[in-house]
């Protein structure tokens, strides 16, 4: 488990807007670790260098919000997400959002959890 800085942007609803964000990040050799696109075009991004990525995006006139989130891995098996969410719930922590991904056949999955206080939540849940 780790506390990571997530970048949030709101994009215009037009073709290519997400591609422009990805291009700006890629041109700086910043790796996207996780990404979530939701309506109304809110993009949440975890990258390997959030300070640099935020600066690059702000330099291109994007409004970037930063917040700490829980970033953890879990076994890629039935019930793994249940175990993670149960730990957080039993610690009395309210989840605001969650996104996850796994590659079929791989041992581990990645999970990003947005909570009001990531440090407290991670400690309380033992993540």
N, C-alpha and C. Protein backbone atom coordinates (compact mmCIF):
# COMPACT_ATOMS: atom_id res chain seq x y z
N UNK A 1 0.84 -1.18 0.00
CA UNK A 1 0.00 0.00 0.00
C UNK A 1 0.88 1.23 0.00
N UNK A 2 0.36 2.23 -0.65
CA UNK A 2 1.08 3.50 -0.68
C UNK A 2 0.08 4.64 -0.75
N UNK A 3 0.51 5.76 -0.27
CA UNK A 3 -0.24 6.98 -0.48
C UNK A 3 0.39 7.63 -1.71
N UNK A 4 -0.42 7.90 -2.71
CA UNK A 4 0.06 8.51 -3.94
C UNK A 4 -0.70 9.79 -4.20
N UNK A 5 -0.11 10.67 -4.98
CA UNK A 5 -0.76 11.91 -5.38
C UNK A 5 -1.48 11.68 -6.70
N UNK A 6 -2.77 11.93 -6.66
CA UNK A 6 -3.61 11.79 -7.85
C UNK A 6 -3.85 13.19 -8.42
N UNK A 7 -3.83 13.29 -9.73
CA UNK A 7 -4.12 14.54 -10.42
C UNK A 7 -5.52 14.44 -11.01
N UNK A 8 -6.32 15.48 -10.83
CA UNK A 8 -7.67 15.51 -11.38
C UNK A 8 -7.80 16.71 -12.29
N UNK A 9 -8.35 16.46 -13.49
CA UNK A 9 -8.60 17.51 -14.47
C UNK A 9 -10.03 17.38 -14.96
N UNK A 10 -10.60 18.49 -15.33
CA UNK A 10 -11.90 18.49 -16.01
C UNK A 10 -11.65 18.93 -17.43
N UNK A 11 -12.11 18.13 -18.37
CA UNK A 11 -11.85 18.40 -19.79
C UNK A 11 -13.12 18.82 -20.51
N UNK A 12 -12.93 19.52 -21.61
CA UNK A 12 -14.05 19.84 -22.48
C UNK A 12 -14.51 18.56 -23.17
N UNK A 13 -15.79 18.51 -23.50
CA UNK A 13 -16.35 17.34 -24.16
C UNK A 13 -16.18 17.49 -25.67
N UNK A 14 -14.97 17.19 -26.14
CA UNK A 14 -14.69 17.24 -27.57
C UNK A 14 -13.65 16.18 -27.92
N UNK A 15 -13.68 15.68 -29.14
CA UNK A 15 -12.74 14.63 -29.55
C UNK A 15 -11.29 15.06 -29.37
N UNK A 16 -10.50 14.16 -28.83
CA UNK A 16 -9.07 14.38 -28.71
C UNK A 16 -8.60 15.04 -27.43
N UNK A 17 -9.52 15.45 -26.56
CA UNK A 17 -9.10 16.15 -25.35
C UNK A 17 -8.25 15.26 -24.44
N UNK A 18 -8.67 14.01 -24.24
CA UNK A 18 -7.88 13.10 -23.40
C UNK A 18 -6.55 12.78 -24.07
N UNK A 19 -6.57 12.64 -25.39
CA UNK A 19 -5.33 12.36 -26.12
C UNK A 19 -4.32 13.49 -25.92
N UNK A 20 -4.79 14.74 -25.87
CA UNK A 20 -3.88 15.87 -25.66
C UNK A 20 -3.23 15.80 -24.28
N UNK A 21 -4.01 15.42 -23.28
CA UNK A 21 -3.45 15.27 -21.93
C UNK A 21 -2.41 14.16 -21.93
N UNK A 22 -2.75 13.03 -22.52
CA UNK A 22 -1.81 11.90 -22.58
C UNK A 22 -0.54 12.27 -23.34
N UNK A 23 -0.68 13.05 -24.41
CA UNK A 23 0.48 13.48 -25.19
C UNK A 23 1.39 14.39 -24.36
N UNK A 24 0.79 15.33 -23.65
CA UNK A 24 1.59 16.23 -22.81
C UNK A 24 2.40 15.45 -21.79
N UNK A 25 1.79 14.46 -21.21
CA UNK A 25 2.47 13.64 -20.19
C UNK A 25 3.54 12.77 -20.84
N UNK A 26 3.20 12.15 -21.97
CA UNK A 26 4.15 11.26 -22.65
C UNK A 26 5.38 12.01 -23.16
N UNK A 27 5.18 13.22 -23.66
CA UNK A 27 6.31 14.01 -24.18
C UNK A 27 7.34 14.30 -23.10
N UNK A 28 6.91 14.28 -21.85
CA UNK A 28 7.82 14.53 -20.73
C UNK A 28 8.34 13.22 -20.11
N UNK A 29 8.04 12.10 -20.76
CA UNK A 29 8.49 10.77 -20.30
C UNK A 29 7.96 10.44 -18.92
N UNK A 30 6.74 10.88 -18.66
CA UNK A 30 6.06 10.58 -17.40
C UNK A 30 5.14 9.39 -17.67
N UNK A 31 5.19 8.40 -16.81
CA UNK A 31 4.39 7.20 -17.00
C UNK A 31 3.06 7.30 -16.27
N UNK A 32 1.99 6.99 -16.97
CA UNK A 32 0.67 6.93 -16.35
C UNK A 32 0.54 5.55 -15.70
N UNK A 33 0.36 5.53 -14.39
CA UNK A 33 0.23 4.29 -13.63
C UNK A 33 -1.22 3.82 -13.62
N UNK A 34 -2.16 4.78 -13.49
CA UNK A 34 -3.59 4.47 -13.50
C UNK A 34 -4.33 5.71 -13.98
N UNK A 35 -5.46 5.48 -14.65
CA UNK A 35 -6.26 6.59 -15.15
C UNK A 35 -7.73 6.20 -15.12
N UNK A 36 -8.56 7.20 -14.80
CA UNK A 36 -10.00 6.99 -14.76
C UNK A 36 -10.66 8.18 -15.43
N UNK A 37 -11.49 7.91 -16.42
CA UNK A 37 -12.25 8.96 -17.10
C UNK A 37 -13.71 8.76 -16.75
N UNK A 38 -14.31 9.78 -16.18
CA UNK A 38 -15.71 9.71 -15.78
C UNK A 38 -16.43 10.93 -16.31
N UNK A 39 -17.74 10.87 -16.28
CA UNK A 39 -18.50 12.02 -16.71
C UNK A 39 -18.68 12.96 -15.55
N UNK A 40 -18.78 14.23 -15.73
CA UNK A 40 -18.65 14.93 -17.01
C UNK A 40 -17.19 15.24 -17.33
N UNK A 41 -16.56 14.30 -17.95
CA UNK A 41 -15.17 14.40 -18.39
C UNK A 41 -14.20 14.81 -17.30
N UNK A 42 -14.32 14.15 -16.18
CA UNK A 42 -13.35 14.29 -15.11
C UNK A 42 -12.34 13.17 -15.27
N UNK A 43 -11.07 13.55 -15.31
CA UNK A 43 -9.99 12.59 -15.47
C UNK A 43 -9.19 12.56 -14.18
N UNK A 44 -9.02 11.36 -13.64
CA UNK A 44 -8.16 11.15 -12.47
C UNK A 44 -6.96 10.35 -12.95
N UNK A 45 -5.77 10.83 -12.63
CA UNK A 45 -4.55 10.21 -13.14
C UNK A 45 -3.54 10.01 -12.01
N UNK A 46 -2.97 8.81 -11.97
CA UNK A 46 -1.79 8.55 -11.13
C UNK A 46 -0.61 8.40 -12.07
N UNK A 47 0.45 9.13 -11.79
CA UNK A 47 1.65 9.06 -12.62
C UNK A 47 2.86 8.81 -11.74
N UNK A 48 3.97 8.47 -12.40
CA UNK A 48 5.18 8.18 -11.62
C UNK A 48 5.88 9.44 -11.13
N UNK A 49 5.51 10.61 -11.65
CA UNK A 49 6.10 11.86 -11.19
C UNK A 49 5.01 12.93 -11.16
N UNK A 50 4.18 12.94 -10.11
CA UNK A 50 3.04 13.85 -10.09
C UNK A 50 3.42 15.33 -10.03
N UNK A 51 4.52 15.66 -9.40
CA UNK A 51 4.92 17.06 -9.32
C UNK A 51 5.25 17.59 -10.71
N UNK A 52 6.03 16.84 -11.46
CA UNK A 52 6.40 17.24 -12.81
C UNK A 52 5.17 17.27 -13.72
N UNK A 53 4.33 16.23 -13.63
CA UNK A 53 3.13 16.16 -14.47
C UNK A 53 2.19 17.33 -14.20
N UNK A 54 1.98 17.66 -12.94
CA UNK A 54 1.10 18.78 -12.60
C UNK A 54 1.65 20.08 -13.18
N UNK A 55 2.95 20.27 -13.09
CA UNK A 55 3.57 21.47 -13.65
C UNK A 55 3.43 21.54 -15.16
N UNK A 56 3.63 20.42 -15.82
CA UNK A 56 3.50 20.37 -17.28
C UNK A 56 2.07 20.70 -17.69
N UNK A 57 1.11 20.08 -17.02
CA UNK A 57 -0.30 20.30 -17.38
C UNK A 57 -0.73 21.74 -17.07
N UNK A 58 -0.30 22.26 -15.95
CA UNK A 58 -0.63 23.67 -15.64
C UNK A 58 0.00 24.60 -16.66
N UNK A 59 1.20 24.26 -17.11
CA UNK A 59 1.86 25.05 -18.13
C UNK A 59 1.11 25.05 -19.45
N UNK A 60 0.28 24.05 -19.63
CA UNK A 60 -0.56 23.97 -20.85
C UNK A 60 -1.98 24.44 -20.55
N UNK A 61 -2.14 25.13 -19.45
CA UNK A 61 -3.39 25.80 -19.07
C UNK A 61 -4.52 24.86 -18.65
N UNK A 62 -4.16 23.70 -18.12
CA UNK A 62 -5.16 22.83 -17.51
C UNK A 62 -5.27 23.19 -16.04
N UNK A 63 -6.48 23.14 -15.52
CA UNK A 63 -6.68 23.30 -14.08
C UNK A 63 -6.47 21.92 -13.45
N UNK A 64 -5.46 21.80 -12.61
CA UNK A 64 -5.09 20.51 -12.03
C UNK A 64 -5.30 20.56 -10.52
N UNK A 65 -6.07 19.60 -10.02
CA UNK A 65 -6.22 19.45 -8.57
C UNK A 65 -5.38 18.24 -8.14
N UNK A 66 -4.77 18.35 -6.98
CA UNK A 66 -3.95 17.26 -6.45
C UNK A 66 -4.55 16.80 -5.13
N UNK A 67 -4.55 15.49 -4.93
CA UNK A 67 -5.00 14.95 -3.64
C UNK A 67 -4.32 13.62 -3.41
N UNK A 68 -4.19 13.28 -2.14
CA UNK A 68 -3.63 11.98 -1.78
C UNK A 68 -4.73 10.92 -1.86
N UNK A 69 -4.35 9.78 -2.39
CA UNK A 69 -5.25 8.63 -2.49
C UNK A 69 -4.50 7.39 -2.02
N UNK A 70 -5.24 6.35 -1.75
CA UNK A 70 -4.64 5.06 -1.43
C UNK A 70 -4.40 4.33 -2.74
N UNK A 71 -3.17 3.86 -2.92
CA UNK A 71 -2.83 3.05 -4.09
C UNK A 71 -2.29 1.73 -3.55
N UNK A 72 -2.95 0.65 -3.88
CA UNK A 72 -2.54 -0.64 -3.34
C UNK A 72 -2.67 -1.72 -4.40
N UNK A 73 -2.11 -2.85 -4.13
CA UNK A 73 -2.29 -4.01 -4.99
C UNK A 73 -3.05 -5.07 -4.19
N UNK A 74 -3.68 -5.94 -4.92
CA UNK A 74 -4.43 -7.04 -4.31
C UNK A 74 -4.28 -8.25 -5.22
N UNK A 75 -4.39 -9.44 -4.67
CA UNK A 75 -4.34 -10.62 -5.52
C UNK A 75 -5.43 -10.54 -6.59
N UNK A 76 -5.10 -11.00 -7.76
CA UNK A 76 -6.05 -11.02 -8.87
C UNK A 76 -6.85 -12.32 -8.79
N UNK A 77 -7.75 -12.35 -7.80
CA UNK A 77 -8.58 -13.54 -7.62
C UNK A 77 -9.96 -13.13 -7.10
N UNK A 78 -10.93 -14.03 -7.20
CA UNK A 78 -12.27 -13.70 -6.71
C UNK A 78 -12.25 -13.32 -5.23
N UNK A 79 -12.89 -12.21 -4.91
CA UNK A 79 -12.98 -11.77 -3.53
C UNK A 79 -11.90 -10.81 -3.08
N UNK A 80 -10.89 -10.57 -3.90
CA UNK A 80 -9.80 -9.69 -3.48
C UNK A 80 -10.29 -8.26 -3.25
N UNK A 81 -11.12 -7.75 -4.15
CA UNK A 81 -11.64 -6.40 -3.98
C UNK A 81 -12.56 -6.32 -2.77
N UNK A 82 -13.29 -7.40 -2.52
CA UNK A 82 -14.12 -7.48 -1.31
C UNK A 82 -13.25 -7.31 -0.07
N UNK A 83 -12.12 -7.99 -0.02
CA UNK A 83 -11.25 -7.90 1.15
C UNK A 83 -10.73 -6.48 1.35
N UNK A 84 -10.32 -5.82 0.27
CA UNK A 84 -9.82 -4.45 0.38
C UNK A 84 -10.93 -3.51 0.85
N UNK A 85 -12.09 -3.59 0.22
CA UNK A 85 -13.18 -2.68 0.58
C UNK A 85 -13.70 -2.98 1.99
N UNK A 86 -13.68 -4.23 2.39
CA UNK A 86 -14.13 -4.57 3.74
C UNK A 86 -13.18 -4.00 4.78
N UNK A 87 -11.87 -4.07 4.55
CA UNK A 87 -10.89 -3.48 5.48
C UNK A 87 -11.17 -1.99 5.68
N UNK A 88 -11.44 -1.30 4.59
CA UNK A 88 -11.71 0.14 4.67
C UNK A 88 -13.02 0.39 5.40
N UNK A 89 -14.04 -0.38 5.06
CA UNK A 89 -15.36 -0.21 5.71
C UNK A 89 -15.28 -0.52 7.20
N UNK A 90 -14.61 -1.59 7.58
CA UNK A 90 -14.51 -1.95 8.99
C UNK A 90 -13.70 -0.94 9.79
N UNK A 91 -12.88 -0.15 9.10
CA UNK A 91 -12.13 0.91 9.78
C UNK A 91 -12.98 2.18 9.90
N UNK A 92 -14.21 2.12 9.39
CA UNK A 92 -15.12 3.26 9.49
C UNK A 92 -14.81 4.37 8.50
N UNK A 93 -14.15 4.02 7.41
CA UNK A 93 -13.75 5.00 6.40
C UNK A 93 -14.74 4.97 5.25
N UNK A 94 -15.21 6.15 4.86
CA UNK A 94 -16.11 6.26 3.72
C UNK A 94 -15.30 6.42 2.43
N UNK A 95 -15.54 5.55 1.47
CA UNK A 95 -14.88 5.66 0.17
C UNK A 95 -15.66 6.63 -0.70
N UNK A 96 -14.97 7.57 -1.32
CA UNK A 96 -15.61 8.50 -2.23
C UNK A 96 -15.65 7.94 -3.65
N UNK A 97 -14.61 7.18 -4.02
CA UNK A 97 -14.57 6.51 -5.32
C UNK A 97 -13.46 5.47 -5.29
N UNK A 98 -13.50 4.59 -6.28
CA UNK A 98 -12.51 3.53 -6.40
C UNK A 98 -12.39 3.18 -7.87
N UNK A 99 -11.18 2.94 -8.33
CA UNK A 99 -10.99 2.35 -9.65
C UNK A 99 -9.86 1.34 -9.56
N UNK A 100 -9.96 0.31 -10.37
CA UNK A 100 -9.02 -0.79 -10.29
C UNK A 100 -8.84 -1.42 -11.66
N UNK A 101 -7.74 -2.15 -11.79
CA UNK A 101 -7.52 -2.89 -13.03
C UNK A 101 -6.65 -4.11 -12.74
N UNK A 102 -6.81 -5.10 -13.58
CA UNK A 102 -5.99 -6.30 -13.51
C UNK A 102 -5.84 -6.85 -14.91
N UNK A 103 -4.77 -7.54 -15.14
CA UNK A 103 -4.57 -8.22 -16.41
C UNK A 103 -4.86 -9.69 -16.18
N UNK A 104 -5.77 -10.21 -16.98
CA UNK A 104 -6.16 -11.60 -16.82
C UNK A 104 -4.92 -12.51 -16.86
N UNK A 105 -4.84 -13.40 -15.91
CA UNK A 105 -3.73 -14.32 -15.83
C UNK A 105 -2.55 -13.82 -15.01
N UNK A 106 -2.55 -12.54 -14.65
CA UNK A 106 -1.48 -11.99 -13.82
C UNK A 106 -1.86 -12.14 -12.35
N UNK A 107 -0.87 -12.18 -11.49
CA UNK A 107 -1.11 -12.47 -10.08
C UNK A 107 -1.73 -11.32 -9.30
N UNK A 108 -1.47 -10.08 -9.70
CA UNK A 108 -1.89 -8.94 -8.88
C UNK A 108 -2.72 -7.95 -9.68
N UNK A 109 -3.56 -7.21 -8.95
CA UNK A 109 -4.37 -6.14 -9.51
C UNK A 109 -3.99 -4.84 -8.79
N UNK A 110 -4.24 -3.72 -9.44
CA UNK A 110 -3.99 -2.40 -8.85
C UNK A 110 -5.31 -1.76 -8.47
N UNK A 111 -5.34 -1.10 -7.31
CA UNK A 111 -6.56 -0.48 -6.80
C UNK A 111 -6.23 0.93 -6.33
N UNK A 112 -7.05 1.89 -6.74
CA UNK A 112 -6.93 3.28 -6.30
C UNK A 112 -8.21 3.63 -5.57
N UNK A 113 -8.08 4.17 -4.35
CA UNK A 113 -9.24 4.49 -3.54
C UNK A 113 -9.15 5.95 -3.09
N UNK A 114 -10.19 6.71 -3.42
CA UNK A 114 -10.29 8.09 -2.96
C UNK A 114 -11.07 8.13 -1.66
N UNK A 115 -10.45 8.67 -0.63
CA UNK A 115 -11.05 8.79 0.70
C UNK A 115 -10.77 10.19 1.24
N UNK A 116 -11.54 10.63 2.23
CA UNK A 116 -11.32 11.98 2.77
C UNK A 116 -9.92 12.22 3.33
N UNK A 117 -9.33 11.22 3.98
CA UNK A 117 -8.00 11.35 4.57
C UNK A 117 -7.24 10.06 4.29
N UNK A 118 -6.42 10.07 3.24
CA UNK A 118 -5.76 8.84 2.79
C UNK A 118 -4.82 8.26 3.84
N UNK A 119 -4.08 9.10 4.51
CA UNK A 119 -3.13 8.61 5.52
C UNK A 119 -3.87 7.91 6.66
N UNK A 120 -4.89 8.55 7.19
CA UNK A 120 -5.67 7.97 8.27
C UNK A 120 -6.36 6.69 7.82
N UNK A 121 -6.91 6.71 6.63
CA UNK A 121 -7.62 5.53 6.12
C UNK A 121 -6.67 4.35 5.95
N UNK A 122 -5.51 4.60 5.38
CA UNK A 122 -4.55 3.52 5.16
C UNK A 122 -4.09 2.93 6.49
N UNK A 123 -3.83 3.78 7.46
CA UNK A 123 -3.40 3.31 8.78
C UNK A 123 -4.51 2.54 9.46
N UNK A 124 -5.71 3.08 9.45
CA UNK A 124 -6.83 2.45 10.13
C UNK A 124 -7.20 1.11 9.50
N UNK A 125 -7.10 1.03 8.19
CA UNK A 125 -7.46 -0.21 7.49
C UNK A 125 -6.30 -1.21 7.44
N UNK A 126 -5.13 -0.78 7.85
CA UNK A 126 -3.98 -1.67 7.81
C UNK A 126 -3.51 -1.97 6.42
N UNK A 127 -3.72 -1.05 5.53
CA UNK A 127 -3.30 -1.26 4.13
C UNK A 127 -1.87 -0.79 3.93
